[in-house]
PDB file of N, CA and C in Angstrom:
ATOM      1  N   MET A   1       0.944  -1.383   0.076  1.00  0.00           N
ATOM      2  CA  MET A   1      -0.144   0.392  -0.341  1.00  0.00           C
ATOM      3  C   MET A   1       0.800   1.175  -0.078  1.00  0.00           C
ATOM      4  N   THR A   2       0.638   1.821  -1.298  1.00  0.00           N
ATOM      5  CA  THR A   2       1.208   2.950  -1.415  1.00  0.00           C
ATOM      6  C   THR A   2       1.599   4.128  -0.561  1.00  0.00           C
ATOM      7  N   ASP A   3      -0.204   4.158  -0.200  1.00  0.00           N
ATOM      8  CA  ASP A   3      -0.514   5.445   0.186  1.00  0.00           C
ATOM      9  C   ASP A   3      -0.782   4.891   2.209  1.00  0.00           C
ATOM     10  N   CYS A   4      -0.253   4.437   2.723  1.00  0.00           N
ATOM     11  CA  CYS A   4      -0.075   3.970   4.157  1.00  0.00           C
ATOM     12  C   CYS A   4       1.750   4.406   4.222  1.00  0.00           C
ATOM     13  N   LEU A   5       1.598   5.317   5.446  1.00  0.00           N
ATOM     14  CA  LEU A   5       2.606   5.404   5.771  1.00  0.00           C
ATOM     15  C   LEU A   5       3.767   4.904   6.526  1.00  0.00           C
ATOM     16  N   PHE A   6       2.972   3.901   7.510  1.00  0.00           N
ATOM     17  CA  PHE A   6       3.817   3.195   7.765  1.00  0.00           C
ATOM     18  C   PHE A   6       4.470   1.767   7.201  1.00  0.00           C
ATOM     19  N   CYS A   7       3.596   1.841   6.233  1.00  0.00           N
ATOM     20  CA  CYS A   7       4.025   0.256   4.745  1.00  0.00           C
ATOM     21  C   CYS A   7       5.364   1.301   4.091  1.00  0.00           C
ATOM     22  N   ASN A   8       5.216   2.235   3.995  1.00  0.00           N
ATOM     23  CA  ASN A   8       6.420   2.829   3.732  1.00  0.00           C
ATOM     24  C   ASN A   8       7.503   2.729   4.524  1.00  0.00           C
ATOM     25  N   TRP A   9       7.524   3.244   5.300  1.00  0.00           N
ATOM     26  CA  TRP A   9       8.952   3.358   6.785  1.00  0.00           C
ATOM     27  C   TRP A   9       9.351   1.901   6.497  1.00  0.00           C
ATOM     28  N   LYS A  10       8.494   0.877   6.516  1.00  0.00           N
ATOM     29  CA  LYS A  10       9.331  -0.465   6.437  1.00  0.00           C
ATOM     30  C   LYS A  10      10.863  -0.504   6.135  1.00  0.00           C
ATOM     31  N   ASN A  11      10.998   0.102   4.651  1.00  0.00           N
ATOM     32  CA  ASN A  11      11.932  -0.406   4.435  1.00  0.00           C
ATOM     33  C   ASN A  11      12.986   0.936   4.662  1.00  0.00           C
ATOM     34  N   ASP A  12      12.664   1.995   5.556  1.00  0.00           N
ATOM     35  CA  ASP A  12      13.865   3.051   5.535  1.00  0.00           C
ATOM     36  C   ASP A  12      14.604   2.758   6.808  1.00  0.00           C
ATOM     37  N   LYS A  13      15.699   2.333   6.200  1.00  0.00           N
ATOM     38  CA  LYS A  13      16.711   2.229   7.344  1.00  0.00           C
ATOM     39  C   LYS A  13      16.571   3.157   8.927  1.00  0.00           C
ATOM     40  N   GLU A  14      17.096   4.356   8.174  1.00  0.00           N
ATOM     41  CA  GLU A  14      17.211   5.340   8.947  1.00  0.00           C
ATOM     42  C   GLU A  14      16.205   5.620  10.003  1.00  0.00           C
ATOM     43  N   LYS A  15      15.206   5.261  10.045  1.00  0.00           N
ATOM     44  CA  LYS A  15      13.830   5.256  10.884  1.00  0.00           C
ATOM     45  C   LYS A  15      13.728   4.429  12.330  1.00  0.00           C
ATOM     46  N   ILE A  16      14.065   2.848  11.578  1.00  0.00           N
ATOM     47  CA  ILE A  16      13.998   2.208  12.201  1.00  0.00           C
ATOM     48  C   ILE A  16      15.217   1.742  13.625  1.00  0.00           C
ATOM     49  N   ILE A  17      14.573   1.874  14.679  1.00  0.00           N
ATOM     50  CA  ILE A  17      15.229   1.262  15.649  1.00  0.00           C
ATOM     51  C   ILE A  17      15.899  -0.494  15.793  1.00  0.00           C
ATOM     52  N   ILE A  18      15.214  -0.995  15.092  1.00  0.00           N
ATOM     53  CA  ILE A  18      15.129  -2.930  15.353  1.00  0.00           C
ATOM     54  C   ILE A  18      14.143  -2.741  14.658  1.00  0.00           C
ATOM     55  N   GLU A  19      14.199  -4.235  14.431  1.00  0.00           N
ATOM     56  CA  GLU A  19      13.500  -5.066  13.326  1.00  0.00           C
ATOM     57  C   GLU A  19      13.520  -6.579  13.976  1.00  0.00           C
ATOM     58  N   ASN A  20      12.254  -7.496  13.114  1.00  0.00           N
ATOM     59  CA  ASN A  20      12.602  -8.698  13.114  1.00  0.00           C
ATOM     60  C   ASN A  20      11.982  -8.942  11.894  1.00  0.00           C
ATOM     61  N   GLU A  21      11.439 -10.198  12.024  1.00  0.00           N
ATOM     62  CA  GLU A  21      11.050 -10.502  10.454  1.00  0.00           C
ATOM     63  C   GLU A  21       9.296  -9.471  10.041  1.00  0.00           C
ATOM     64  N   LEU A  22       8.872  -9.874  11.240  1.00  0.00           N
ATOM     65  CA  LEU A  22       7.479  -9.214  10.968  1.00  0.00           C
ATOM     66  C   LEU A  22       6.895  -8.099  11.157  1.00  0.00           C
ATOM     67  N   ALA A  23       8.121  -7.400  12.469  1.00  0.00           N
ATOM     68  CA  ALA A  23       7.478  -5.910  12.505  1.00  0.00           C
ATOM     69  C   ALA A  23       8.860  -4.998  13.003  1.00  0.00           C
ATOM     70  N   PHE A  24       9.420  -4.048  13.469  1.00  0.00           N
ATOM     71  CA  PHE A  24       9.879  -2.974  13.300  1.00  0.00           C
ATOM     72  C   PHE A  24       9.549  -1.743  14.756  1.00  0.00           C
ATOM     73  N   ALA A  25      10.614  -0.961  14.928  1.00  0.00           N
ATOM     74  CA  ALA A  25      10.366  -0.264  15.765  1.00  0.00           C
ATOM     75  C   ALA A  25      10.875   1.163  15.281  1.00  0.00           C
ATOM     76  N   THR A  26       9.967   1.900  15.278  1.00  0.00           N
ATOM     77  CA  THR A  26      10.836   3.679  15.154  1.00  0.00           C
ATOM     78  C   THR A  26      10.138   4.361  16.032  1.00  0.00           C
ATOM     79  N   TYR A  27      10.879   5.546  16.557  1.00  0.00           N
ATOM     80  CA  TYR A  27      10.824   6.520  17.857  1.00  0.00           C
ATOM     81  C   TYR A  27       9.730   7.484  16.842  1.00  0.00           C
ATOM     82  N   ASP A  28       8.846   7.559  17.892  1.00  0.00           N
ATOM     83  CA  ASP A  28       7.190   8.355  17.718  1.00  0.00           C
ATOM     84  C   ASP A  28       7.407   9.875  16.886  1.00  0.00           C
ATOM     85  N   GLU A  29       7.212  10.487  15.921  1.00  0.00           N
ATOM     86  CA  GLU A  29       7.639  11.552  15.131  1.00  0.00           C
ATOM     87  C   GLU A  29       6.703  12.665  16.271  1.00  0.00           C
ATOM     88  N   PHE A  30       5.759  12.175  16.735  1.00  0.00           N
ATOM     89  CA  PHE A  30       5.416  13.345  17.934  1.00  0.00           C
ATOM     90  C   PHE A  30       5.099  12.245  19.053  1.00  0.00           C
ATOM     91  N   ALA A  31       6.541  12.270  19.781  1.00  0.00           N
ATOM     92  CA  ALA A  31       6.750  11.569  20.926  1.00  0.00           C
ATOM     93  C   ALA A  31       5.804  13.019  22.249  1.00  0.00           C
ATOM     94  N   VAL A  32       5.155  11.795  23.235  1.00  0.00           N
ATOM     95  CA  VAL A  32       5.016  12.755  24.248  1.00  0.00           C
ATOM     96  C   VAL A  32       6.018  12.687  25.411  1.00  0.00           C
ATOM     97  N   SER A  33       7.023  11.936  25.234  1.00  0.00           N
ATOM     98  CA  SER A  33       8.054  11.881  25.749  1.00  0.00           C
ATOM     99  C   SER A  33       9.119  10.907  25.546  1.00  0.00           C
ATOM    100  N   LYS A  34      10.273  11.975  26.650  1.00  0.00           N
ATOM    101  CA  LYS A  34      11.753  10.876  25.607  1.00  0.00           C
ATOM    102  C   LYS A  34      11.747   9.792  25.765  1.00  0.00           C
ATOM    103  N   GLY A  35      12.022   8.737  24.318  1.00  0.00           N
ATOM    104  CA  GLY A  35      11.609   7.629  24.081  1.00  0.00           C
ATOM    105  C   GLY A  35      10.708   7.003  23.500  1.00  0.00           C
ATOM    106  N   HIS A  36       9.192   7.750  23.421  1.00  0.00           N
ATOM    107  CA  HIS A  36       8.212   7.596  22.898  1.00  0.00           C
ATOM    108  C   HIS A  36       8.555   6.704  21.285  1.00  0.00           C
ATOM    109  N   THR A  37       8.229   5.071  21.720  1.00  0.00           N
ATOM    110  CA  THR A  37       8.451   3.980  20.301  1.00  0.00           C
ATOM    111  C   THR A  37       7.380   3.475  19.737  1.00  0.00           C
ATOM    112  N   LEU A  38       7.036   3.931  18.967  1.00  0.00           N
ATOM    113  CA  LEU A  38       6.487   2.716  17.944  1.00  0.00           C
ATOM    114  C   LEU A  38       6.586   1.558  17.591  1.00  0.00           C
ATOM    115  N   PHE A  39       5.824   0.373  17.505  1.00  0.00           N
ATOM    116  CA  PHE A  39       5.941  -0.780  17.000  1.00  0.00           C
ATOM    117  C   PHE A  39       5.312  -1.060  16.709  1.00  0.00           C
ATOM    118  N   ILE A  40       5.224  -1.908  14.965  1.00  0.00           N
ATOM    119  CA  ILE A  40       4.737  -1.303  13.768  1.00  0.00           C
ATOM    120  C   ILE A  40       4.817  -2.853  12.675  1.00  0.00           C
ATOM    121  N   THR A  41       3.841  -3.743  12.563  1.00  0.00           N
ATOM    122  CA  THR A  41       3.546  -5.174  11.756  1.00  0.00           C
ATOM    123  C   THR A  41       4.238  -4.774  10.442  1.00  0.00           C
ATOM    124  N   LYS A  42       4.614  -5.257   9.442  1.00  0.00           N
ATOM    125  CA  LYS A  42       5.440  -4.896   8.641  1.00  0.00           C
ATOM    126  C   LYS A  42       4.480  -5.508   7.278  1.00  0.00           C
ATOM    127  N   ARG A  43       3.421  -6.488   8.088  1.00  0.00           N
ATOM    128  CA  ARG A  43       2.255  -6.451   7.295  1.00  0.00           C
ATOM    129  C   ARG A  43       1.439  -6.139   7.401  1.00  0.00           C
ATOM    130  N   HIS A  44       0.809  -5.496   6.433  1.00  0.00           N
ATOM    131  CA  HIS A  44      -0.311  -3.838   6.259  1.00  0.00           C
ATOM    132  C   HIS A  44      -1.674  -4.530   6.778  1.00  0.00           C
ATOM    133  N   VAL A  45      -1.833  -4.440   8.376  1.00  0.00           N
ATOM    134  CA  VAL A  45      -2.893  -5.017   8.655  1.00  0.00           C
ATOM    135  C   VAL A  45      -3.624  -3.059   9.406  1.00  0.00           C
ATOM    136  N   LYS A  46      -5.408  -3.133   9.974  1.00  0.00           N
ATOM    137  CA  LYS A  46      -5.654  -2.393  10.079  1.00  0.00           C
ATOM    138  C   LYS A  46      -5.582  -1.926  11.490  1.00  0.00           C
ATOM    139  N   ASP A  47      -5.306  -3.131  12.867  1.00  0.00           N
ATOM    140  CA  ASP A  47      -5.436  -2.870  14.121  1.00  0.00           C
ATOM    141  C   ASP A  47      -5.176  -4.535  14.411  1.00  0.00           C
ATOM    142  N   PHE A  48      -4.494  -4.452  15.927  1.00  0.00           N
ATOM    143  CA  PHE A  48      -4.381  -5.995  16.444  1.00  0.00           C
ATOM    144  C   PHE A  48      -4.949  -7.339  16.637  1.00  0.00           C
ATOM    145  N   PHE A  49      -6.494  -6.804  16.128  1.00  0.00           N
ATOM    146  CA  PHE A  49      -7.608  -7.556  16.426  1.00  0.00           C
ATOM    147  C   PHE A  49      -7.091  -8.522  14.686  1.00  0.00           C
ATOM    148  N   GLU A  50      -6.548  -7.875  13.596  1.00  0.00           N
ATOM    149  CA  GLU A  50      -6.234  -8.371  12.422  1.00  0.00           C
ATOM    150  C   GLU A  50      -4.942  -8.948  12.107  1.00  0.00           C
ATOM    151  N   THR A  51      -4.084  -9.057  13.726  1.00  0.00           N
ATOM    152  CA  THR A  51      -2.573  -9.955  13.647  1.00  0.00           C
ATOM    153  C   THR A  51      -3.145 -11.006  13.451  1.00  0.00           C
ATOM    154  N   THR A  52      -1.740 -11.972  13.507  1.00  0.00           N
ATOM    155  CA  THR A  52      -1.916 -13.392  14.020  1.00  0.00           C
ATOM    156  C   THR A  52      -0.792 -13.613  14.809  1.00  0.00           C
ATOM    157  N   ALA A  53      -0.843 -14.996  15.398  1.00  0.00           N
ATOM    158  CA  ALA A  53      -0.191 -14.833  16.861  1.00  0.00           C
ATOM    159  C   ALA A  53       1.086 -14.947  16.473  1.00  0.00           C
ATOM    160  N   GLU A  54       1.511 -15.124  15.546  1.00  0.00           N
ATOM    161  CA  GLU A  54       3.332 -14.741  15.525  1.00  0.00           C
ATOM    162  C   GLU A  54       3.415 -13.664  15.358  1.00  0.00           C
ATOM    163  N   GLU A  55       2.932 -12.749  14.687  1.00  0.00           N
ATOM    164  CA  GLU A  55       2.485 -11.034  14.392  1.00  0.00           C
ATOM    165  C   GLU A  55       2.668 -10.577  15.735  1.00  0.00           C
ATOM    166  N   ARG A  56       1.984 -10.753  16.708  1.00  0.00           N
ATOM    167  CA  ARG A  56       2.062 -10.142  17.803  1.00  0.00           C
ATOM    168  C   ARG A  56       3.066 -11.310  18.903  1.00  0.00           C
ATOM    169  N   GLN A  57       3.561 -12.484  18.924  1.00  0.00           N
ATOM    170  CA  GLN A  57       4.672 -12.218  19.406  1.00  0.00           C
ATOM    171  C   GLN A  57       5.484 -11.105  18.971  1.00  0.00           C
ATOM    172  N   ALA A  58       6.055 -11.424  17.495  1.00  0.00           N
ATOM    173  CA  ALA A  58       7.300 -10.243  17.019  1.00  0.00           C
ATOM    174  C   ALA A  58       6.994  -8.950  17.799  1.00  0.00           C
ATOM    175  N   LEU A  59       5.939  -8.177  18.069  1.00  0.00           N
ATOM    176  CA  LEU A  59       5.644  -6.626  18.501  1.00  0.00           C
ATOM    177  C   LEU A  59       6.074  -6.941  20.173  1.00  0.00           C
ATOM    178  N   PHE A  60       6.106  -7.992  20.444  1.00  0.00           N
ATOM    179  CA  PHE A  60       5.795  -7.880  21.955  1.00  0.00           C
ATOM    180  C   PHE A  60       7.342  -8.185  22.394  1.00  0.00           C
ATOM    181  N   ASP A  61       8.148  -9.222  21.080  1.00  0.00           N
ATOM    182  CA  ASP A  61       9.838  -8.980  21.603  1.00  0.00           C
ATOM    183  C   ASP A  61      10.501  -7.841  21.494  1.00  0.00           C
ATOM    184  N   LEU A  62      10.111  -7.470  20.282  1.00  0.00           N
ATOM    185  CA  LEU A  62      10.667  -5.762  19.872  1.00  0.00           C
ATOM    186  C   LEU A  62      10.298  -5.002  21.197  1.00  0.00           C
ATOM    187  N   ILE A  63       9.429  -4.952  21.979  1.00  0.00           N
ATOM    188  CA  ILE A  63       8.540  -3.999  22.997  1.00  0.00           C
ATOM    189  C   ILE A  63       9.633  -4.296  24.109  1.00  0.00           C
ATOM    190  N   ASP A  64      10.178  -5.950  24.502  1.00  0.00           N
ATOM    191  CA  ASP A  64      11.089  -6.017  25.317  1.00  0.00           C
ATOM    192  C   ASP A  64      12.534  -5.439  25.283  1.00  0.00           C
ATOM    193  N   GLN A  65      12.445  -6.116  24.056  1.00  0.00           N
ATOM    194  CA  GLN A  65      14.086  -5.297  23.293  1.00  0.00           C
ATOM    195  C   GLN A  65      14.012  -3.479  23.669  1.00  0.00           C
ATOM    196  N   VAL A  66      13.499  -2.832  23.224  1.00  0.00           N
ATOM    197  CA  VAL A  66      13.577  -1.630  22.668  1.00  0.00           C
ATOM    198  C   VAL A  66      13.224  -0.948  24.166  1.00  0.00           C
ATOM    199  N   LYS A  67      12.580  -1.640  25.306  1.00  0.00           N
ATOM    200  CA  LYS A  67      12.716  -1.361  26.426  1.00  0.00           C
ATOM    201  C   LYS A  67      13.749  -1.603  27.260  1.00  0.00           C
ATOM    202  N   GLU A  68      14.705  -1.867  26.992  1.00  0.00           N
ATOM    203  CA  GLU A  68      15.722  -2.222  27.456  1.00  0.00           C
ATOM    204  C   GLU A  68      16.938  -0.821  26.866  1.00  0.00           C
ATOM    205  N   ILE A  69      16.483  -0.981  26.011  1.00  0.00           N
ATOM    206  CA  ILE A  69      17.601   0.805  25.416  1.00  0.00           C
ATOM    207  C   ILE A  69      16.665   1.824  25.814  1.00  0.00           C
ATOM    208  N   VAL A  70      15.482   1.876  26.052  1.00  0.00           N
ATOM    209  CA  VAL A  70      15.036   3.160  26.528  1.00  0.00           C
ATOM    210  C   VAL A  70      15.336   3.186  27.980  1.00  0.00           C
ATOM    211  N   ASP A  71      15.519   2.000  28.831  1.00  0.00           N
ATOM    212  CA  ASP A  71      15.886   1.945  29.489  1.00  0.00           C
ATOM    213  C   ASP A  71      17.243   2.644  30.079  1.00  0.00           C
ATOM    214  N   GLU A  72      18.165   2.197  29.685  1.00  0.00           N
ATOM    215  CA  GLU A  72      19.761   2.452  29.259  1.00  0.00           C
ATOM    216  C   GLU A  72      19.700   3.725  29.436  1.00  0.00           C
ATOM    217  N   LYS A  73      19.298   4.791  28.323  1.00  0.00           N
ATOM    218  CA  LYS A  73      19.306   5.805  28.007  1.00  0.00           C
ATOM    219  C   LYS A  73      18.832   6.999  28.099  1.00  0.00           C
ATOM    220  N   TYR A  74      17.105   6.160  28.772  1.00  0.00           N
ATOM    221  CA  TYR A  74      16.094   8.186  29.486  1.00  0.00           C
ATOM    222  C   TYR A  74      16.398   7.662  31.379  1.00  0.00           C
ATOM    223  N   HIS A  75      16.258   6.248  31.268  1.00  0.00           N
ATOM    224  CA  HIS A  75      15.724   5.860  32.946  1.00  0.00           C
ATOM    225  C   HIS A  75      14.362   6.552  33.309  1.00  0.00           C
ATOM    226  N   PRO A  76      13.708   5.892  32.831  1.00  0.00           N
ATOM    227  CA  PRO A  76      11.513   5.831  33.094  1.00  0.00           C
ATOM    228  C   PRO A  76      12.105   5.558  34.311  1.00  0.00           C
ATOM    229  N   THR A  77      10.081   5.722  35.256  1.00  0.00           N
ATOM    230  CA  THR A  77      10.371   5.442  36.077  1.00  0.00           C
ATOM    231  C   THR A  77       8.668   4.700  36.359  1.00  0.00           C
ATOM    232  N   GLY A  78       8.192   4.853  34.475  1.00  0.00           N
ATOM    233  CA  GLY A  78       7.356   3.504  34.533  1.00  0.00           C
ATOM    234  C   GLY A  78       6.995   3.837  33.152  1.00  0.00           C
ATOM    235  N   TYR A  79       5.662   2.998  32.668  1.00  0.00           N
ATOM    236  CA  TYR A  79       5.607   2.934  31.068  1.00  0.00           C
ATOM    237  C   TYR A  79       4.421   2.406  31.057  1.00  0.00           C
ATOM    238  N   ASN A  80       3.669   2.968  29.843  1.00  0.00           N
ATOM    239  CA  ASN A  80       2.648   2.775  28.933  1.00  0.00           C
ATOM    240  C   ASN A  80       2.280   2.321  28.160  1.00  0.00           C
ATOM    241  N   ILE A  81       1.325   1.100  27.545  1.00  0.00           N
ATOM    242  CA  ILE A  81       1.769   0.777  26.518  1.00  0.00           C
ATOM    243  C   ILE A  81       0.569   0.182  26.100  1.00  0.00           C
ATOM    244  N   GLY A  82       0.229   0.607  24.546  1.00  0.00           N
ATOM    245  CA  GLY A  82      -0.712   0.814  23.860  1.00  0.00           C
ATOM    246  C   GLY A  82      -1.109   1.109  22.571  1.00  0.00           C
ATOM    247  N   MET A  83      -2.471   1.130  22.608  1.00  0.00           N
ATOM    248  CA  MET A  83      -2.558   0.880  21.092  1.00  0.00           C
ATOM    249  C   MET A  83      -4.031   1.270  20.492  1.00  0.00           C
ATOM    250  N   ASN A  84      -4.659   2.342  19.671  1.00  0.00           N
ATOM    251  CA  ASN A  84      -5.874   2.370  19.444  1.00  0.00           C
ATOM    252  C   ASN A  84      -5.887   1.719  18.338  1.00  0.00           C
ATOM    253  N   CYS A  85      -7.788   1.040  18.677  1.00  0.00           N
ATOM    254  CA  CYS A  85      -7.891   0.185  17.781  1.00  0.00           C
ATOM    255  C   CYS A  85      -9.600   1.259  16.799  1.00  0.00           C
ATOM    256  N   GLY A  86      -9.101   1.875  15.910  1.00  0.00           N
ATOM    257  CA  GLY A  86     -10.725   2.184  15.437  1.00  0.00           C
ATOM    258  C   GLY A  86     -10.596   3.724  15.714  1.00  0.00           C
ATOM    259  N   LYS A  87     -11.049   4.202  14.789  1.00  0.00           N
ATOM    260  CA  LYS A  87     -11.132   6.120  14.685  1.00  0.00           C
ATOM    261  C   LYS A  87     -12.127   6.331  16.045  1.00  0.00           C
ATOM    262  N   SER A  88     -13.246   5.247  16.445  1.00  0.00           N
ATOM    263  CA  SER A  88     -13.465   5.642  17.948  1.00  0.00           C
ATOM    264  C   SER A  88     -12.570   5.649  19.001  1.00  0.00           C
ATOM    265  N   ALA A  89     -11.304   5.040  18.610  1.00  0.00           N
ATOM    266  CA  ALA A  89     -10.810   4.713  20.192  1.00  0.00           C
ATOM    267  C   ALA A  89      -9.145   5.812  19.400  1.00  0.00           C
ATOM    268  N   GLY A  90      -9.411   6.898  18.590  1.00  0.00           N
ATOM    269  CA  GLY A  90      -8.078   7.586  18.180  1.00  0.00           C
ATOM    270  C   GLY A  90      -7.511   7.180  17.033  1.00  0.00           C
ATOM    271  N   GLN A  91      -7.874   5.727  16.901  1.00  0.00           N
ATOM    272  CA  GLN A  91      -6.432   5.888  15.484  1.00  0.00           C
ATOM    273  C   GLN A  91      -6.800   6.195  14.238  1.00  0.00           C
ATOM    274  N   THR A  92      -5.630   6.681  14.221  1.00  0.00           N
ATOM    275  CA  THR A  92      -5.437   8.139  13.056  1.00  0.00           C
ATOM    276  C   THR A  92      -4.744   7.216  11.832  1.00  0.00           C
ATOM    277  N   VAL A  93      -3.990   6.551  12.058  1.00  0.00           N
ATOM    278  CA  VAL A  93      -2.913   5.909  10.998  1.00  0.00           C
ATOM    279  C   VAL A  93      -3.474   4.685  11.380  1.00  0.00           C
ATOM    280  N   MET A  94      -4.234   3.948   9.991  1.00  0.00           N
ATOM    281  CA  MET A  94      -5.132   2.917   9.673  1.00  0.00           C
ATOM    282  C   MET A  94      -3.724   1.779   9.373  1.00  0.00           C
ATOM    283  N   HIS A  95      -2.591   1.332  10.183  1.00  0.00           N
ATOM    284  CA  HIS A  95      -1.897   0.904  10.169  1.00  0.00           C
ATOM    285  C   HIS A  95      -1.754   0.348  11.520  1.00  0.00           C
ATOM    286  N   LEU A  96      -2.006  -0.817  12.101  1.00  0.00           N
ATOM    287  CA  LEU A  96      -1.454  -1.098  13.537  1.00  0.00           C
ATOM    288  C   LEU A  96      -0.336  -1.079  13.882  1.00  0.00           C
ATOM    289  N   HIS A  97      -0.244   0.141  15.661  1.00  0.00           N
ATOM    290  CA  HIS A  97       0.747   0.463  15.994  1.00  0.00           C
ATOM    291  C   HIS A  97       0.710   0.180  16.931  1.00  0.00           C
ATOM    292  N   VAL A  98       1.690  -0.176  17.967  1.00  0.00           N
ATOM    293  CA  VAL A  98       1.202  -0.122  19.053  1.00  0.00           C
ATOM    294  C   VAL A  98       2.383   0.824  20.038  1.00  0.00           C
ATOM    295  N   HIS A  99       2.243   1.988  20.886  1.00  0.00           N
ATOM    296  CA  HIS A  99       2.809   2.933  21.670  1.00  0.00           C
ATOM    297  C   HIS A  99       3.475   2.313  22.932  1.00  0.00           C
ATOM    298  N   LEU A 100       4.637   2.550  23.222  1.00  0.00           N
ATOM    299  CA  LEU A 100       5.546   2.385  24.238  1.00  0.00           C
ATOM    300  C   LEU A 100       5.558   3.917  24.434  1.00  0.00           C
ATOM    301  N   ILE A 101       5.207   4.220  25.806  1.00  0.00           N
ATOM    302  CA  ILE A 101       5.646   5.331  26.846  1.00  0.00           C
ATOM    303  C   ILE A 101       5.788   5.878  27.952  1.00  0.00           C
ATOM    304  N   PRO A 102       7.376   5.915  27.918  1.00  0.00           N
ATOM    305  CA  PRO A 102       8.448   6.237  28.940  1.00  0.00           C
ATOM    306  C   PRO A 102       7.390   7.482  29.993  1.00  0.00           C
ATOM    307  N   ARG A 103       7.092   7.268  31.010  1.00  0.00           N
ATOM    308  CA  ARG A 103       6.846   7.532  32.022  1.00  0.00           C
ATOM    309  C   ARG A 103       7.701   8.193  32.990  1.00  0.00           C
ATOM    310  N   TYR A 104       7.891   9.548  33.351  1.00  0.00           N
ATOM    311  CA  TYR A 104       8.819   9.928  35.223  1.00  0.00           C
ATOM    312  C   TYR A 104       8.259  10.301  35.952  1.00  0.00           C
ATOM    313  N   ASP A 105       8.664  10.195  36.816  1.00  0.00           N
ATOM    314  CA  ASP A 105       8.270  11.343  38.277  1.00  0.00           C
ATOM    315  C   ASP A 105       7.714  12.130  37.648  1.00  0.00           C
ATOM    316  N   GLY A 106       6.484  12.890  37.739  1.00  0.00           N
ATOM    317  CA  GLY A 106       6.283  14.417  37.717  1.00  0.00           C
ATOM    318  C   GLY A 106       6.003  14.663  36.489  1.00  0.00           C
ATOM    319  N   ASP A 107       5.891  13.480  35.624  1.00  0.00           N
ATOM    320  CA  ASP A 107       5.139  14.488  34.202  1.00  0.00           C
ATOM    321  C   ASP A 107       4.385  14.224  33.846  1.00  0.00           C
ATOM    322  N   VAL A 108       3.086  14.270  34.963  1.00  0.00           N
ATOM    323  CA  VAL A 108       1.545  14.311  35.141  1.00  0.00           C
ATOM    324  C   VAL A 108       1.320  14.555  36.828  1.00  0.00           C
ATOM    325  N   GLU A 109       0.661  15.865  37.329  1.00  0.00           N
ATOM    326  CA  GLU A 109       0.618  15.571  38.514  1.00  0.00           C
ATOM    327  C   GLU A 109      -0.253  14.920  39.223  1.00  0.00           C
ATOM    328  N   ASN A 110      -1.338  14.192  38.541  1.00  0.00           N
ATOM    329  CA  ASN A 110      -1.790  13.119  39.444  1.00  0.00           C
ATOM    330  C   ASN A 110      -1.801  11.671  38.174  1.00  0.00           C
ATOM    331  N   PRO A 111      -0.672  10.562  37.963  1.00  0.00           N
ATOM    332  CA  PRO A 111      -0.812   9.544  37.269  1.00  0.00           C
ATOM    333  C   PRO A 111      -1.856   8.240  37.257  1.00  0.00           C
ATOM    334  N   ARG A 112      -2.589   8.591  38.616  1.00  0.00           N
ATOM    335  CA  ARG A 112      -3.039   7.816  39.225  1.00  0.00           C
ATOM    336  C   ARG A 112      -4.731   7.046  37.854  1.00  0.00           C
ATOM    337  N   GLY A 113      -4.149   6.150  37.565  1.00  0.00           N
ATOM    338  CA  GLY A 113      -5.624   5.437  36.409  1.00  0.00           C
ATOM    339  C   GLY A 113      -4.780   4.964  35.402  1.00  0.00           C
ATOM    340  N   GLY A 114      -3.977   6.137  35.140  1.00  0.00           N
ATOM    341  CA  GLY A 114      -2.764   5.951  33.880  1.00  0.00           C
ATOM    342  C   GLY A 114      -3.476   5.662  32.351  1.00  0.00           C
ATOM    343  N   ILE A 115      -4.002   4.421  31.830  1.00  0.00           N
ATOM    344  CA  ILE A 115      -4.260   4.727  30.250  1.00  0.00           C
ATOM    345  C   ILE A 115      -6.429   4.680  30.721  1.00  0.00           C
ATOM    346  N   ARG A 116      -6.580   4.735  31.682  1.00  0.00           N
ATOM    347  CA  ARG A 116      -8.063   4.877  31.898  1.00  0.00           C
ATOM    348  C   ARG A 116      -8.548   6.890  31.123  1.00  0.00           C
ATOM    349  N   GLY A 117      -7.349   7.800  31.622  1.00  0.00           N
ATOM    350  CA  GLY A 117      -7.382   8.821  31.299  1.00  0.00           C
ATOM    351  C   GLY A 117      -7.808   8.920  29.713  1.00  0.00           C
ATOM    352  N   VAL A 118      -7.935   7.708  28.782  1.00  0.00           N
ATOM    353  CA  VAL A 118      -8.722   8.503  27.295  1.00  0.00           C
ATOM    354  C   VAL A 118      -9.587   8.976  27.374  1.00  0.00           C
ATOM    355  N   ILE A 119     -10.611   8.257  28.990  1.00  0.00           N
ATOM    356  CA  ILE A 119     -11.816   8.873  29.463  1.00  0.00           C
ATOM    357  C   ILE A 119     -11.725   9.442  31.075  1.00  0.00           C
ATOM    358  N   PRO A 120     -11.354  11.406  30.918  1.00  0.00           N
ATOM    359  CA  PRO A 120     -10.828  11.684  31.814  1.00  0.00           C
ATOM    360  C   PRO A 120     -11.669  11.367  32.777  1.00  0.00           C
ATOM    361  N   GLN A 121     -13.195  11.626  32.647  1.00  0.00           N
ATOM    362  CA  GLN A 121     -14.174  11.266  34.178  1.00  0.00           C
ATOM    363  C   GLN A 121     -14.075  10.378  34.348  1.00  0.00           C
ATOM    364  N   LYS A 122     -13.554   9.265  34.011  1.00  0.00           N
ATOM    365  CA  LYS A 122     -13.210   7.810  34.214  1.00  0.00           C
ATOM    366  C   LYS A 122     -11.596   7.371  34.747  1.00  0.00           C
ATOM    367  N   GLN A 123     -10.959   8.708  34.799  1.00  0.00           N
ATOM    368  CA  GLN A 123      -9.346   8.379  35.112  1.00  0.00           C
ATOM    369  C   GLN A 123      -9.370   7.839  37.165  1.00  0.00           C
ATOM    370  N   ASN A 124     -10.126   8.891  37.572  1.00  0.00           N
ATOM    371  CA  ASN A 124      -9.944   8.861  38.953  1.00  0.00           C
ATOM    372  C   ASN A 124     -11.078   7.396  39.465  1.00  0.00           C
ATOM    373  N   TYR A 125     -10.823   6.681  40.455  1.00  0.00           N
ATOM    374  CA  TYR A 125     -11.816   5.721  40.852  1.00  0.00           C
ATOM    375  C   TYR A 125     -11.624   5.690  42.172  1.00  0.00           C
TER     376      TYR A 125
END
């Protein structure tokens, strides 16, 4: 798919941090924190629910490897891992990508609830 941003990136060795047969990792161009990384399947699939078990494992293998790199380089004190599946969940590029977002003490006033913050009134419970 030549009109897919991420399909075009899979052969751009300057963007790729690390890769395996089925997926690759790249730093997010709109990072919300130091070390924010995207993990993208090489095969064009819309979201997590279209992946194979092998693709899921390939993504998680890369997440483990990049976490070690980010830990050493930036020393975060926590992480959020997530993906948006569908427009109503906030997905804007319709090619599966998983976010690894390093978190740091004090980066937000109250981090309680973490990813529940996608619906702000549900974050605190």
